[in-house]
Amino acid sequence: MLFFDRLKDPDLLLQLLIFLCAAASVVAVALPYLVPDPLQKRMKSVALERERIRQRERDRLARGRMLRAEEKPFIKSFVALFHLTKWLGIENATAKLAAAGFRGAAAETTFIFFRAIVPISLFLLGVLYLFFVNAMGYSAMARIGALIALLYIGIKMPEVYLDKVTRDRRETIRRAFPDALDLLLICVEAGISIEHAFRRVSEEIGRQSVALAEELTLTTAELAFLPDRRIAYENLARRVDVDSVRQIVTVLNQAERYGTPLASALRTVAQESRDMRMAEAEKKAAALPPKLTVPMIVFFLPVLFVVILGPAVLQAAKNFF
């Protein structure tokens, strides 16, 4: 009771209010420095990838072969010991990993490693549950079928995760690419070269899409070190695999080969990209009413019936009973 009596003291309440305001001010000032910045992290990885491309091109020119990245020793030795690349490798694994944002030989080795570890882990958990925890709950055929299903799910789970990451990455790129085209058009009309334009756009678009900033930065590095610009453009289209990006790559290749005006072509492609984004938004908006029909029938209409018919039912019940 003494504590609650002291809460009635105006001086104490004023001190508590001042303390809360001061604490909120400190948290508001310190919070931006405590939250990690994903853009800086990804751009740092892009810088490392750019340095790797530079070293790879120097090595190719000096010795005529590509420089390979080093994997983690444990994962590398595990994959090599059981020849997992031969048994668990997938077609175009490098291209699929690059489309998801994972690059280098280490990423492919790690992916194959998890394709081996995940099914083994699920299989052991299934054996532990089916034969020890719940030994009498299922028949022998059901147990064997469940273990086979767990093995298959474990093998496919890394691929499903990779496909999901790739779809999310492409969606962020698709949404931010019209704005990137507008920035690229401004840079080209200002007289900036295409390499510097890509670099400038990657710096500005990173706040909206880290994945797109990463891809543009890699394209800038490839434009600087590859012998042919068309190879860098085609690599961008292959990594991203978005219709708007493939279209702009075709425009850049035509401008590179035939000398067509780049600014007018970029303006047309940028307008088409904005129209496509608006059409996609209108399509989602048009699909919203049918999706809301079932929730409205299940949740809204019964409440409306109760509100509208409830007083009449109560009045009728009072008159008859």
C-alpha atoms as a PDB file:
ATOM      1  CA  MET A   1       0.000   0.000   0.000  1.00  0.00           C
ATOM      2  CA  LEU A   2       2.913   2.307   0.657  1.00  0.00           C
ATOM      3  CA  PHE A   3       4.050   1.930  -2.927  1.00  0.00           C
ATOM      4  CA  PHE A   4       0.628   2.824  -4.333  1.00  0.00           C
ATOM      5  CA  ASP A   5       0.385   5.757  -1.949  1.00  0.00           C
ATOM      6  CA  ARG A   6       3.676   7.106  -3.240  1.00  0.00           C
ATOM      7  CA  LEU A   7       2.413   6.860  -6.807  1.00  0.00           C
ATOM      8  CA  LYS A   8      -0.071   9.586  -5.919  1.00  0.00           C
ATOM      9  CA  ASP A   9       2.814  11.986  -5.248  1.00  0.00           C
ATOM     10  CA  PRO A  10       2.972  14.550  -8.137  1.00  0.00           C
ATOM     11  CA  ASP A  11       6.735  14.993  -7.777  1.00  0.00           C
ATOM     12  CA  LEU A  12       7.339  11.264  -8.097  1.00  0.00           C
ATOM     13  CA  LEU A  13       5.103  11.029 -11.160  1.00  0.00           C
ATOM     14  CA  LEU A  14       6.932  13.957 -12.738  1.00  0.00           C
ATOM     15  CA  GLN A  15      10.278  12.273 -12.106  1.00  0.00           C
ATOM     16  CA  LEU A  16       9.024   9.009 -13.622  1.00  0.00           C
ATOM     17  CA  LEU A  17       7.748  10.866 -16.681  1.00  0.00           C
ATOM     18  CA  ILE A  18      11.089  12.638 -17.133  1.00  0.00           C
ATOM     19  CA  PHE A  19      12.901   9.310 -16.783  1.00  0.00           C
ATOM     20  CA  LEU A  20      10.684   7.650 -19.417  1.00  0.00           C
ATOM     21  CA  CYS A  21      11.146  10.561 -21.820  1.00  0.00           C
ATOM     22  CA  ALA A  22      14.921  10.458 -21.373  1.00  0.00           C
ATOM     23  CA  ALA A  23      15.014   6.675 -21.869  1.00  0.00           C
ATOM     24  CA  ALA A  24      12.859   6.941 -24.998  1.00  0.00           C
ATOM     25  CA  SER A  25      15.167   9.636 -26.384  1.00  0.00           C
ATOM     26  CA  VAL A  26      18.245   7.472 -25.767  1.00  0.00           C
ATOM     27  CA  VAL A  27      16.584   4.454 -27.422  1.00  0.00           C
ATOM     28  CA  ALA A  28      15.452   6.538 -30.423  1.00  0.00           C
ATOM     29  CA  VAL A  29      18.985   7.861 -30.934  1.00  0.00           C
ATOM     30  CA  ALA A  30      20.756   4.525 -30.417  1.00  0.00           C
ATOM     31  CA  LEU A  31      18.310   2.269 -32.291  1.00  0.00           C
ATOM     32  CA  PRO A  32      19.561   3.053 -35.842  1.00  0.00           C
ATOM     33  CA  TYR A  33      23.074   2.093 -34.761  1.00  0.00           C
ATOM     34  CA  LEU A  34      21.944  -1.189 -33.180  1.00  0.00           C
ATOM     35  CA  VAL A  35      19.830  -2.490 -36.086  1.00  0.00           C
ATOM     36  CA  PRO A  36      22.013  -4.277 -38.685  1.00  0.00           C
ATOM     37  CA  ASP A  37      22.014  -2.832 -42.182  1.00  0.00           C
ATOM     38  CA  PRO A  38      21.395  -5.613 -44.758  1.00  0.00           C
ATOM     39  CA  LEU A  39      22.380  -3.313 -47.599  1.00  0.00           C
ATOM     40  CA  GLN A  40      25.887  -2.779 -46.247  1.00  0.00           C
ATOM     41  CA  LYS A  41      26.320  -6.495 -45.672  1.00  0.00           C
ATOM     42  CA  ARG A  42      25.245  -7.456 -49.186  1.00  0.00           C
ATOM     43  CA  MET A  43      27.221  -4.656 -50.804  1.00  0.00           C
ATOM     44  CA  LYS A  44      30.292  -5.863 -48.921  1.00  0.00           C
ATOM     45  CA  SER A  45      29.742  -9.332 -50.341  1.00  0.00           C
ATOM     46  CA  VAL A  46      29.326  -7.772 -53.783  1.00  0.00           C
ATOM     47  CA  ALA A  47      32.638  -5.963 -53.329  1.00  0.00           C
ATOM     48  CA  LEU A  48      34.268  -9.282 -52.493  1.00  0.00           C
ATOM     49  CA  GLU A  49      32.656 -10.834 -55.567  1.00  0.00           C
ATOM     50  CA  ARG A  50      33.931  -7.972 -57.686  1.00  0.00           C
ATOM     51  CA  GLU A  51      37.449  -8.513 -56.354  1.00  0.00           C
ATOM     52  CA  ARG A  52      37.087 -12.208 -57.132  1.00  0.00           C
ATOM     53  CA  ILE A  53      36.079 -11.403 -60.726  1.00  0.00           C
ATOM     54  CA  ARG A  54      39.028  -9.055 -61.063  1.00  0.00           C
ATOM     55  CA  GLN A  55      41.439 -11.687 -59.764  1.00  0.00           C
ATOM     56  CA  ARG A  56      39.819 -14.333 -61.953  1.00  0.00           C
ATOM     57  CA  GLU A  57      40.293 -12.261 -65.086  1.00  0.00           C
ATOM     58  CA  ARG A  58      43.893 -11.500 -64.189  1.00  0.00           C
ATOM     59  CA  ASP A  59      44.520 -15.186 -63.605  1.00  0.00           C
ATOM     60  CA  ARG A  60      42.863 -16.101 -66.891  1.00  0.00           C
ATOM     61  CA  LEU A  61      45.002 -13.635 -68.787  1.00  0.00           C
ATOM     62  CA  ALA A  62      48.169 -14.733 -67.014  1.00  0.00           C
ATOM     63  CA  ARG A  63      47.769 -18.500 -66.938  1.00  0.00           C
ATOM     64  CA  GLY A  64      44.787 -19.185 -69.180  1.00  0.00           C
ATOM     65  CA  ARG A  65      42.560 -20.776 -66.494  1.00  0.00           C
ATOM     66  CA  MET A  66      39.885 -19.688 -64.032  1.00  0.00           C
ATOM     67  CA  LEU A  67      40.562 -19.015 -60.378  1.00  0.00           C
ATOM     68  CA  ARG A  68      38.449 -21.192 -58.108  1.00  0.00           C
ATOM     69  CA  ALA A  69      37.116 -20.189 -54.725  1.00  0.00           C
ATOM     70  CA  GLU A  70      38.068 -22.154 -51.628  1.00  0.00           C
ATOM     71  CA  GLU A  71      35.380 -24.064 -49.755  1.00  0.00           C
ATOM     72  CA  LYS A  72      35.248 -24.797 -46.040  1.00  0.00           C
ATOM     73  CA  PRO A  73      37.595 -27.713 -45.310  1.00  0.00           C
ATOM     74  CA  PHE A  74      35.067 -29.865 -43.434  1.00  0.00           C
ATOM     75  CA  ILE A  75      32.299 -29.505 -46.001  1.00  0.00           C
ATOM     76  CA  LYS A  76      34.704 -29.902 -48.906  1.00  0.00           C
ATOM     77  CA  SER A  77      36.252 -33.079 -47.471  1.00  0.00           C
ATOM     78  CA  PHE A  78      32.825 -34.532 -46.591  1.00  0.00           C
ATOM     79  CA  VAL A  79      31.476 -33.971 -50.107  1.00  0.00           C
ATOM     80  CA  ALA A  80      34.643 -35.340 -51.716  1.00  0.00           C
ATOM     81  CA  LEU A  81      34.806 -38.396 -49.426  1.00  0.00           C
ATOM     82  CA  PHE A  82      31.360 -39.694 -50.358  1.00  0.00           C
ATOM     83  CA  HIS A  83      31.342 -38.343 -53.953  1.00  0.00           C
ATOM     84  CA  LEU A  84      28.164 -36.392 -53.240  1.00  0.00           C
ATOM     85  CA  THR A  85      28.563 -34.170 -56.286  1.00  0.00           C
ATOM     86  CA  LYS A  86      28.006 -37.206 -58.502  1.00  0.00           C
ATOM     87  CA  TRP A  87      24.975 -38.525 -56.597  1.00  0.00           C
ATOM     88  CA  LEU A  88      23.287 -35.399 -55.273  1.00  0.00           C
ATOM     89  CA  GLY A  89      24.279 -32.725 -57.767  1.00  0.00           C
ATOM     90  CA  ILE A  90      21.545 -31.105 -59.839  1.00  0.00           C
ATOM     91  CA  GLU A  91      21.690 -29.813 -63.369  1.00  0.00           C
ATOM     92  CA  ASN A  92      22.712 -26.167 -63.693  1.00  0.00           C
ATOM     93  CA  ALA A  93      23.332 -25.987 -59.937  1.00  0.00           C
ATOM     94  CA  THR A  94      25.711 -23.053 -60.329  1.00  0.00           C
ATOM     95  CA  ALA A  95      23.184 -21.032 -62.340  1.00  0.00           C
ATOM     96  CA  LYS A  96      20.360 -21.798 -59.869  1.00  0.00           C
ATOM     97  CA  LEU A  97      22.502 -20.823 -56.887  1.00  0.00           C
ATOM     98  CA  ALA A  98      23.581 -17.609 -58.629  1.00  0.00           C
ATOM     99  CA  ALA A  99      19.947 -16.776 -59.350  1.00  0.00           C
ATOM    100  CA  ALA A 100      19.254 -17.138 -55.622  1.00  0.00           C
ATOM    101  CA  GLY A 101      22.200 -14.907 -54.704  1.00  0.00           C
ATOM    102  CA  PHE A 102      24.676 -17.665 -53.737  1.00  0.00           C
ATOM    103  CA  ARG A 103      27.861 -17.602 -55.806  1.00  0.00           C
ATOM    104  CA  GLY A 104      31.100 -19.505 -55.995  1.00  0.00           C
ATOM    105  CA  ALA A 105      32.141 -23.121 -55.680  1.00  0.00           C
ATOM    106  CA  ALA A 106      31.689 -22.940 -51.911  1.00  0.00           C
ATOM    107  CA  ALA A 107      27.964 -22.283 -52.339  1.00  0.00           C
ATOM    108  CA  GLU A 108      27.528 -25.321 -54.580  1.00  0.00           C
ATOM    109  CA  THR A 109      29.479 -27.542 -52.174  1.00  0.00           C
ATOM    110  CA  THR A 110      27.417 -26.283 -49.222  1.00  0.00           C
ATOM    111  CA  PHE A 111      24.192 -26.917 -51.114  1.00  0.00           C
ATOM    112  CA  ILE A 112      25.198 -30.511 -51.885  1.00  0.00           C
ATOM    113  CA  PHE A 113      26.298 -30.963 -48.265  1.00  0.00           C
ATOM    114  CA  PHE A 114      22.869 -29.976 -46.979  1.00  0.00           C
ATOM    115  CA  ARG A 115      21.190 -32.197 -49.563  1.00  0.00           C
ATOM    116  CA  ALA A 116      22.999 -35.083 -47.864  1.00  0.00           C
ATOM    117  CA  ILE A 117      22.642 -33.988 -44.234  1.00  0.00           C
ATOM    118  CA  VAL A 118      18.938 -33.045 -44.232  1.00  0.00           C
ATOM    119  CA  PRO A 119      17.559 -36.438 -45.437  1.00  0.00           C
ATOM    120  CA  ILE A 120      19.865 -38.335 -43.065  1.00  0.00           C
ATOM    121  CA  SER A 121      18.687 -36.189 -40.150  1.00  0.00           C
ATOM    122  CA  LEU A 122      15.013 -36.655 -41.036  1.00  0.00           C
ATOM    123  CA  PHE A 123      15.545 -40.390 -41.494  1.00  0.00           C
ATOM    124  CA  LEU A 124      17.161 -40.751 -38.071  1.00  0.00           C
ATOM    125  CA  LEU A 125      14.413 -38.705 -36.431  1.00  0.00           C
ATOM    126  CA  GLY A 126      11.819 -40.878 -38.154  1.00  0.00           C
ATOM    127  CA  VAL A 127      13.527 -44.075 -36.950  1.00  0.00           C
ATOM    128  CA  LEU A 128      13.726 -42.684 -33.415  1.00  0.00           C
ATOM    129  CA  TYR A 129      10.017 -41.790 -33.373  1.00  0.00           C
ATOM    130  CA  LEU A 130       8.561 -44.767 -35.245  1.00  0.00           C
ATOM    131  CA  PHE A 131      10.626 -47.543 -33.678  1.00  0.00           C
ATOM    132  CA  PHE A 132      11.292 -46.248 -30.175  1.00  0.00           C
ATOM    133  CA  VAL A 133       8.933 -43.438 -29.120  1.00  0.00           C
ATOM    134  CA  ASN A 134       5.780 -44.775 -30.805  1.00  0.00           C
ATOM    135  CA  ALA A 135       6.779 -48.340 -31.566  1.00  0.00           C
ATOM    136  CA  MET A 136       3.263 -49.831 -31.411  1.00  0.00           C
ATOM    137  CA  GLY A 137       1.370 -47.056 -33.162  1.00  0.00           C
ATOM    138  CA  TYR A 138       1.971 -48.005 -36.818  1.00  0.00           C
ATOM    139  CA  SER A 139       2.374 -51.124 -38.888  1.00  0.00           C
ATOM    140  CA  ALA A 140       5.681 -52.178 -40.463  1.00  0.00           C
ATOM    141  CA  MET A 141       4.644 -51.100 -43.976  1.00  0.00           C
ATOM    142  CA  ALA A 142       3.500 -47.712 -42.707  1.00  0.00           C
ATOM    143  CA  ARG A 143       6.847 -47.185 -40.988  1.00  0.00           C
ATOM    144  CA  ILE A 144       8.822 -48.096 -44.093  1.00  0.00           C
ATOM    145  CA  GLY A 145       6.661 -45.826 -46.252  1.00  0.00           C
ATOM    146  CA  ALA A 146       7.069 -42.962 -43.798  1.00  0.00           C
ATOM    147  CA  LEU A 147      10.866 -43.364 -43.771  1.00  0.00           C
ATOM    148  CA  ILE A 148      11.008 -43.383 -47.578  1.00  0.00           C
ATOM    149  CA  ALA A 149       8.834 -40.266 -47.662  1.00  0.00           C
ATOM    150  CA  LEU A 150      11.123 -38.552 -45.128  1.00  0.00           C
ATOM    151  CA  LEU A 151      14.166 -39.386 -47.251  1.00  0.00           C
ATOM    152  CA  TYR A 152      12.534 -37.944 -50.358  1.00  0.00           C
ATOM    153  CA  ILE A 153      11.391 -34.809 -48.506  1.00  0.00           C
ATOM    154  CA  GLY A 154      14.889 -34.344 -47.086  1.00  0.00           C
ATOM    155  CA  ILE A 155      16.478 -34.536 -50.526  1.00  0.00           C
ATOM    156  CA  LYS A 156      13.992 -32.112 -52.069  1.00  0.00           C
ATOM    157  CA  MET A 157      13.840 -29.667 -49.154  1.00  0.00           C
ATOM    158  CA  PRO A 158      17.047 -27.744 -50.104  1.00  0.00           C
ATOM    159  CA  GLU A 159      15.762 -27.427 -53.677  1.00  0.00           C
ATOM    160  CA  VAL A 160      12.415 -26.102 -52.440  1.00  0.00           C
ATOM    161  CA  TYR A 161      14.204 -23.598 -50.222  1.00  0.00           C
ATOM    162  CA  LEU A 162      16.412 -22.547 -53.125  1.00  0.00           C
ATOM    163  CA  ASP A 163      13.385 -22.076 -55.405  1.00  0.00           C
ATOM    164  CA  LYS A 164      11.628 -19.973 -52.751  1.00  0.00           C
ATOM    165  CA  VAL A 165      14.660 -17.732 -52.259  1.00  0.00           C
ATOM    166  CA  THR A 166      14.968 -17.347 -56.032  1.00  0.00           C
ATOM    167  CA  ARG A 167      11.288 -16.397 -56.432  1.00  0.00           C
ATOM    168  CA  ASP A 168      11.456 -13.843 -53.630  1.00  0.00           C
ATOM    169  CA  ARG A 169      14.642 -12.374 -55.061  1.00  0.00           C
ATOM    170  CA  ARG A 170      13.166 -12.082 -58.553  1.00  0.00           C
ATOM    171  CA  GLU A 171      10.027 -10.489 -57.157  1.00  0.00           C
ATOM    172  CA  THR A 172      12.020  -7.764 -55.405  1.00  0.00           C
ATOM    173  CA  ILE A 173      14.008  -7.165 -58.594  1.00  0.00           C
ATOM    174  CA  ARG A 174      10.824  -7.045 -60.694  1.00  0.00           C
ATOM    175  CA  ARG A 175       9.263  -4.427 -58.438  1.00  0.00           C
ATOM    176  CA  ALA A 176      12.326  -2.184 -58.288  1.00  0.00           C
ATOM    177  CA  PHE A 177      13.501  -2.509 -61.887  1.00  0.00           C
ATOM    178  CA  PRO A 178      11.215   0.214 -63.409  1.00  0.00           C
ATOM    179  CA  ASP A 179      12.656   2.742 -60.955  1.00  0.00           C
ATOM    180  CA  ALA A 180      16.156   1.540 -61.788  1.00  0.00           C
ATOM    181  CA  LEU A 181      15.419   2.056 -65.493  1.00  0.00           C
ATOM    182  CA  ASP A 182      14.307   5.628 -64.801  1.00  0.00           C
ATOM    183  CA  LEU A 183      17.560   6.295 -62.944  1.00  0.00           C
ATOM    184  CA  LEU A 184      19.547   4.642 -65.734  1.00  0.00           C
ATOM    185  CA  LEU A 185      17.767   6.810 -68.317  1.00  0.00           C
ATOM    186  CA  ILE A 186      18.608   9.963 -66.356  1.00  0.00           C
ATOM    187  CA  CYS A 187      22.265   8.949 -66.157  1.00  0.00           C
ATOM    188  CA  VAL A 188      22.478   8.159 -69.879  1.00  0.00           C
ATOM    189  CA  GLU A 189      20.788  11.406 -70.891  1.00  0.00           C
ATOM    190  CA  ALA A 190      23.222  13.266 -68.635  1.00  0.00           C
ATOM    191  CA  GLY A 191      26.111  11.899 -70.699  1.00  0.00           C
ATOM    192  CA  ILE A 192      27.396   9.312 -68.220  1.00  0.00           C
ATOM    193  CA  SER A 193      28.889   6.141 -69.663  1.00  0.00           C
ATOM    194  CA  ILE A 194      26.991   2.916 -69.243  1.00  0.00           C
ATOM    195  CA  GLU A 195      29.535   1.528 -66.736  1.00  0.00           C
ATOM    196  CA  HIS A 196      29.301   4.560 -64.463  1.00  0.00           C
ATOM    197  CA  ALA A 197      25.523   4.643 -64.965  1.00  0.00           C
ATOM    198  CA  PHE A 198      25.212   1.067 -63.707  1.00  0.00           C
ATOM    199  CA  ARG A 199      27.419   1.891 -60.726  1.00  0.00           C
ATOM    200  CA  ARG A 200      25.423   5.006 -59.876  1.00  0.00           C
ATOM    201  CA  VAL A 201      22.079   3.224 -60.188  1.00  0.00           C
ATOM    202  CA  SER A 202      23.294   0.347 -58.000  1.00  0.00           C
ATOM    203  CA  GLU A 203      24.157   2.840 -55.257  1.00  0.00           C
ATOM    204  CA  GLU A 204      20.756   4.540 -55.422  1.00  0.00           C
ATOM    205  CA  ILE A 205      18.510   1.513 -55.878  1.00  0.00           C
ATOM    206  CA  GLY A 206      20.004  -0.417 -52.965  1.00  0.00           C
ATOM    207  CA  ARG A 207      17.556   1.075 -50.476  1.00  0.00           C
ATOM    208  CA  GLN A 208      14.669  -0.350 -52.475  1.00  0.00           C
ATOM    209  CA  SER A 209      16.129  -3.680 -53.615  1.00  0.00           C
ATOM    210  CA  VAL A 210      19.406  -5.032 -52.292  1.00  0.00           C
ATOM    211  CA  ALA A 211      19.302  -7.904 -54.794  1.00  0.00           C
ATOM    212  CA  LEU A 212      19.034  -5.551 -57.783  1.00  0.00           C
ATOM    213  CA  ALA A 213      21.858  -3.376 -56.438  1.00  0.00           C
ATOM    214  CA  GLU A 214      23.995  -6.479 -56.092  1.00  0.00           C
ATOM    215  CA  GLU A 215      23.315  -7.627 -59.654  1.00  0.00           C
ATOM    216  CA  LEU A 216      23.997  -4.192 -61.130  1.00  0.00           C
ATOM    217  CA  THR A 217      27.256  -3.946 -59.200  1.00  0.00           C
ATOM    218  CA  LEU A 218      28.359  -7.336 -60.515  1.00  0.00           C
ATOM    219  CA  THR A 219      27.445  -6.224 -64.030  1.00  0.00           C
ATOM    220  CA  THR A 220      29.560  -3.099 -63.543  1.00  0.00           C
ATOM    221  CA  ALA A 221      32.503  -5.270 -62.543  1.00  0.00           C
ATOM    222  CA  GLU A 222      32.015  -7.557 -65.543  1.00  0.00           C
ATOM    223  CA  LEU A 223      31.749  -4.574 -67.900  1.00  0.00           C
ATOM    224  CA  ALA A 224      35.107  -3.393 -66.619  1.00  0.00           C
ATOM    225  CA  PHE A 225      36.955  -6.699 -66.926  1.00  0.00           C
ATOM    226  CA  LEU A 226      35.265  -8.899 -69.526  1.00  0.00           C
ATOM    227  CA  PRO A 227      36.511  -8.568 -73.118  1.00  0.00           C
ATOM    228  CA  ASP A 228      32.989  -8.169 -74.570  1.00  0.00           C
ATOM    229  CA  ARG A 229      30.173  -6.123 -73.059  1.00  0.00           C
ATOM    230  CA  ARG A 230      27.534  -8.413 -74.484  1.00  0.00           C
ATOM    231  CA  ILE A 231      28.792 -11.220 -72.258  1.00  0.00           C
ATOM    232  CA  ALA A 232      28.230  -9.031 -69.174  1.00  0.00           C
ATOM    233  CA  TYR A 233      24.720  -8.119 -70.349  1.00  0.00           C
ATOM    234  CA  GLU A 234      23.836 -11.741 -71.069  1.00  0.00           C
ATOM    235  CA  ASN A 235      25.175 -12.801 -67.672  1.00  0.00           C
ATOM    236  CA  LEU A 236      22.881 -10.237 -66.047  1.00  0.00           C
ATOM    237  CA  ALA A 237      19.857 -11.583 -67.934  1.00  0.00           C
ATOM    238  CA  ARG A 238      20.738 -15.171 -67.073  1.00  0.00           C
ATOM    239  CA  ARG A 239      21.243 -14.482 -63.365  1.00  0.00           C
ATOM    240  CA  VAL A 240      18.096 -12.406 -62.897  1.00  0.00           C
ATOM    241  CA  ASP A 241      15.755 -14.155 -65.393  1.00  0.00           C
ATOM    242  CA  VAL A 242      13.143 -11.356 -65.391  1.00  0.00           C
ATOM    243  CA  ASP A 243      11.325 -10.280 -68.555  1.00  0.00           C
ATOM    244  CA  SER A 244      12.104  -6.576 -68.094  1.00  0.00           C
ATOM    245  CA  VAL A 245      15.787  -7.293 -67.545  1.00  0.00           C
ATOM    246  CA  ARG A 246      15.966  -9.510 -70.636  1.00  0.00           C
ATOM    247  CA  GLN A 247      14.289  -6.741 -72.620  1.00  0.00           C
ATOM    248  CA  ILE A 248      16.763  -4.095 -71.481  1.00  0.00           C
ATOM    249  CA  VAL A 249      19.647  -6.489 -72.178  1.00  0.00           C
ATOM    250  CA  THR A 250      18.387  -6.851 -75.758  1.00  0.00           C
ATOM    251  CA  VAL A 251      18.252  -3.052 -76.075  1.00  0.00           C
ATOM    252  CA  LEU A 252      21.797  -2.679 -74.738  1.00  0.00           C
ATOM    253  CA  ASN A 253      23.101  -5.356 -77.093  1.00  0.00           C
ATOM    254  CA  GLN A 254      21.445  -3.661 -80.075  1.00  0.00           C
ATOM    255  CA  ALA A 255      22.889  -0.307 -79.069  1.00  0.00           C
ATOM    256  CA  GLU A 256      26.299  -1.907 -78.685  1.00  0.00           C
ATOM    257  CA  ARG A 257      26.159  -3.647 -82.055  1.00  0.00           C
ATOM    258  CA  TYR A 258      24.282  -1.210 -84.309  1.00  0.00           C
ATOM    259  CA  GLY A 259      24.799   2.113 -82.532  1.00  0.00           C
ATOM    260  CA  THR A 260      21.081   2.791 -82.018  1.00  0.00           C
ATOM    261  CA  PRO A 261      20.109   5.697 -79.704  1.00  0.00           C
ATOM    262  CA  LEU A 262      20.191   4.278 -76.207  1.00  0.00           C
ATOM    263  CA  ALA A 263      18.214   7.032 -74.455  1.00  0.00           C
ATOM    264  CA  SER A 264      15.061   6.667 -76.560  1.00  0.00           C
ATOM    265  CA  ALA A 265      15.133   2.890 -76.275  1.00  0.00           C
ATOM    266  CA  LEU A 266      15.560   3.100 -72.494  1.00  0.00           C
ATOM    267  CA  ARG A 267      12.666   5.545 -72.265  1.00  0.00           C
ATOM    268  CA  THR A 268      10.390   3.148 -74.155  1.00  0.00           C
ATOM    269  CA  VAL A 269      11.420   0.146 -72.075  1.00  0.00           C
ATOM    270  CA  ALA A 270      11.030   2.110 -68.833  1.00  0.00           C
ATOM    271  CA  GLN A 271       7.493   3.135 -69.795  1.00  0.00           C
ATOM    272  CA  GLU A 272       6.613  -0.461 -70.675  1.00  0.00           C
ATOM    273  CA  SER A 273       8.031  -1.671 -67.354  1.00  0.00           C
ATOM    274  CA  ARG A 274       5.952   0.851 -65.429  1.00  0.00           C
ATOM    275  CA  ASP A 275       2.853  -0.175 -67.393  1.00  0.00           C
ATOM    276  CA  MET A 276       3.542  -3.842 -66.633  1.00  0.00           C
ATOM    277  CA  ARG A 277       3.939  -3.089 -62.929  1.00  0.00           C
ATOM    278  CA  MET A 278       0.699  -1.113 -62.906  1.00  0.00           C
ATOM    279  CA  ALA A 279      -1.106  -3.880 -64.801  1.00  0.00           C
ATOM    280  CA  GLU A 280       0.118  -6.427 -62.257  1.00  0.00           C
ATOM    281  CA  ALA A 281      -1.114  -4.241 -59.393  1.00  0.00           C
ATOM    282  CA  GLU A 282      -4.521  -3.837 -61.109  1.00  0.00           C
ATOM    283  CA  LYS A 283      -4.694  -7.600 -61.627  1.00  0.00           C
ATOM    284  CA  LYS A 284      -4.109  -8.216 -57.919  1.00  0.00           C
ATOM    285  CA  ALA A 285      -6.679  -5.568 -57.011  1.00  0.00           C
ATOM    286  CA  ALA A 286      -9.247  -7.134 -59.348  1.00  0.00           C
ATOM    287  CA  ALA A 287      -8.646 -10.558 -57.792  1.00  0.00           C
ATOM    288  CA  LEU A 288      -9.292  -9.226 -54.283  1.00  0.00           C
ATOM    289  CA  PRO A 289     -13.164  -9.233 -54.276  1.00  0.00           C
ATOM    290  CA  PRO A 290     -13.474 -12.955 -55.161  1.00  0.00           C
ATOM    291  CA  LYS A 291     -10.951 -13.780 -52.436  1.00  0.00           C
ATOM    292  CA  LEU A 292     -12.975 -11.808 -49.885  1.00  0.00           C
ATOM    293  CA  THR A 293     -16.254 -13.528 -50.756  1.00  0.00           C
ATOM    294  CA  VAL A 294     -15.727 -16.626 -48.604  1.00  0.00           C
ATOM    295  CA  PRO A 295     -14.470 -14.716 -45.498  1.00  0.00           C
ATOM    296  CA  MET A 296     -17.420 -12.336 -45.778  1.00  0.00           C
ATOM    297  CA  ILE A 297     -19.899 -15.227 -46.012  1.00  0.00           C
ATOM    298  CA  VAL A 298     -18.311 -17.134 -43.137  1.00  0.00           C
ATOM    299  CA  PHE A 299     -17.581 -14.296 -40.710  1.00  0.00           C
ATOM    300  CA  PHE A 300     -19.590 -11.183 -41.650  1.00  0.00           C
ATOM    301  CA  LEU A 301     -23.006 -12.471 -42.719  1.00  0.00           C
ATOM    302  CA  PRO A 302     -23.739 -14.475 -39.528  1.00  0.00           C
ATOM    303  CA  VAL A 303     -22.974 -11.390 -37.449  1.00  0.00           C
ATOM    304  CA  LEU A 304     -25.260  -9.273 -39.634  1.00  0.00           C
ATOM    305  CA  PHE A 305     -28.049 -11.827 -39.298  1.00  0.00           C
ATOM    306  CA  VAL A 306     -27.668 -11.839 -35.525  1.00  0.00           C
ATOM    307  CA  VAL A 307     -27.673  -8.041 -35.340  1.00  0.00           C
ATOM    308  CA  ILE A 308     -30.636  -7.604 -37.707  1.00  0.00           C
ATOM    309  CA  LEU A 309     -32.803 -10.577 -36.738  1.00  0.00           C
ATOM    310  CA  GLY A 310     -31.799 -10.806 -33.070  1.00  0.00           C
ATOM    311  CA  PRO A 311     -34.161  -8.079 -31.741  1.00  0.00           C
ATOM    312  CA  ALA A 312     -37.068  -9.446 -33.792  1.00  0.00           C
ATOM    313  CA  VAL A 313     -36.459 -12.988 -32.497  1.00  0.00           C
ATOM    314  CA  LEU A 314     -36.279 -11.733 -28.909  1.00  0.00           C
ATOM    315  CA  GLN A 315     -39.483  -9.711 -29.325  1.00  0.00           C
ATOM    316  CA  ALA A 316     -41.280 -12.691 -30.841  1.00  0.00           C
ATOM    317  CA  ALA A 317     -40.060 -14.942 -28.065  1.00  0.00           C
ATOM    318  CA  LYS A 318     -41.310 -12.458 -25.455  1.00  0.00           C
ATOM    319  CA  ASN A 319     -44.780 -12.318 -27.069  1.00  0.00           C
ATOM    320  CA  PHE A 320     -45.193 -16.088 -27.403  1.00  0.00           C
ATOM    321  CA  PHE A 321     -43.558 -17.195 -24.171  1.00  0.00           C
END
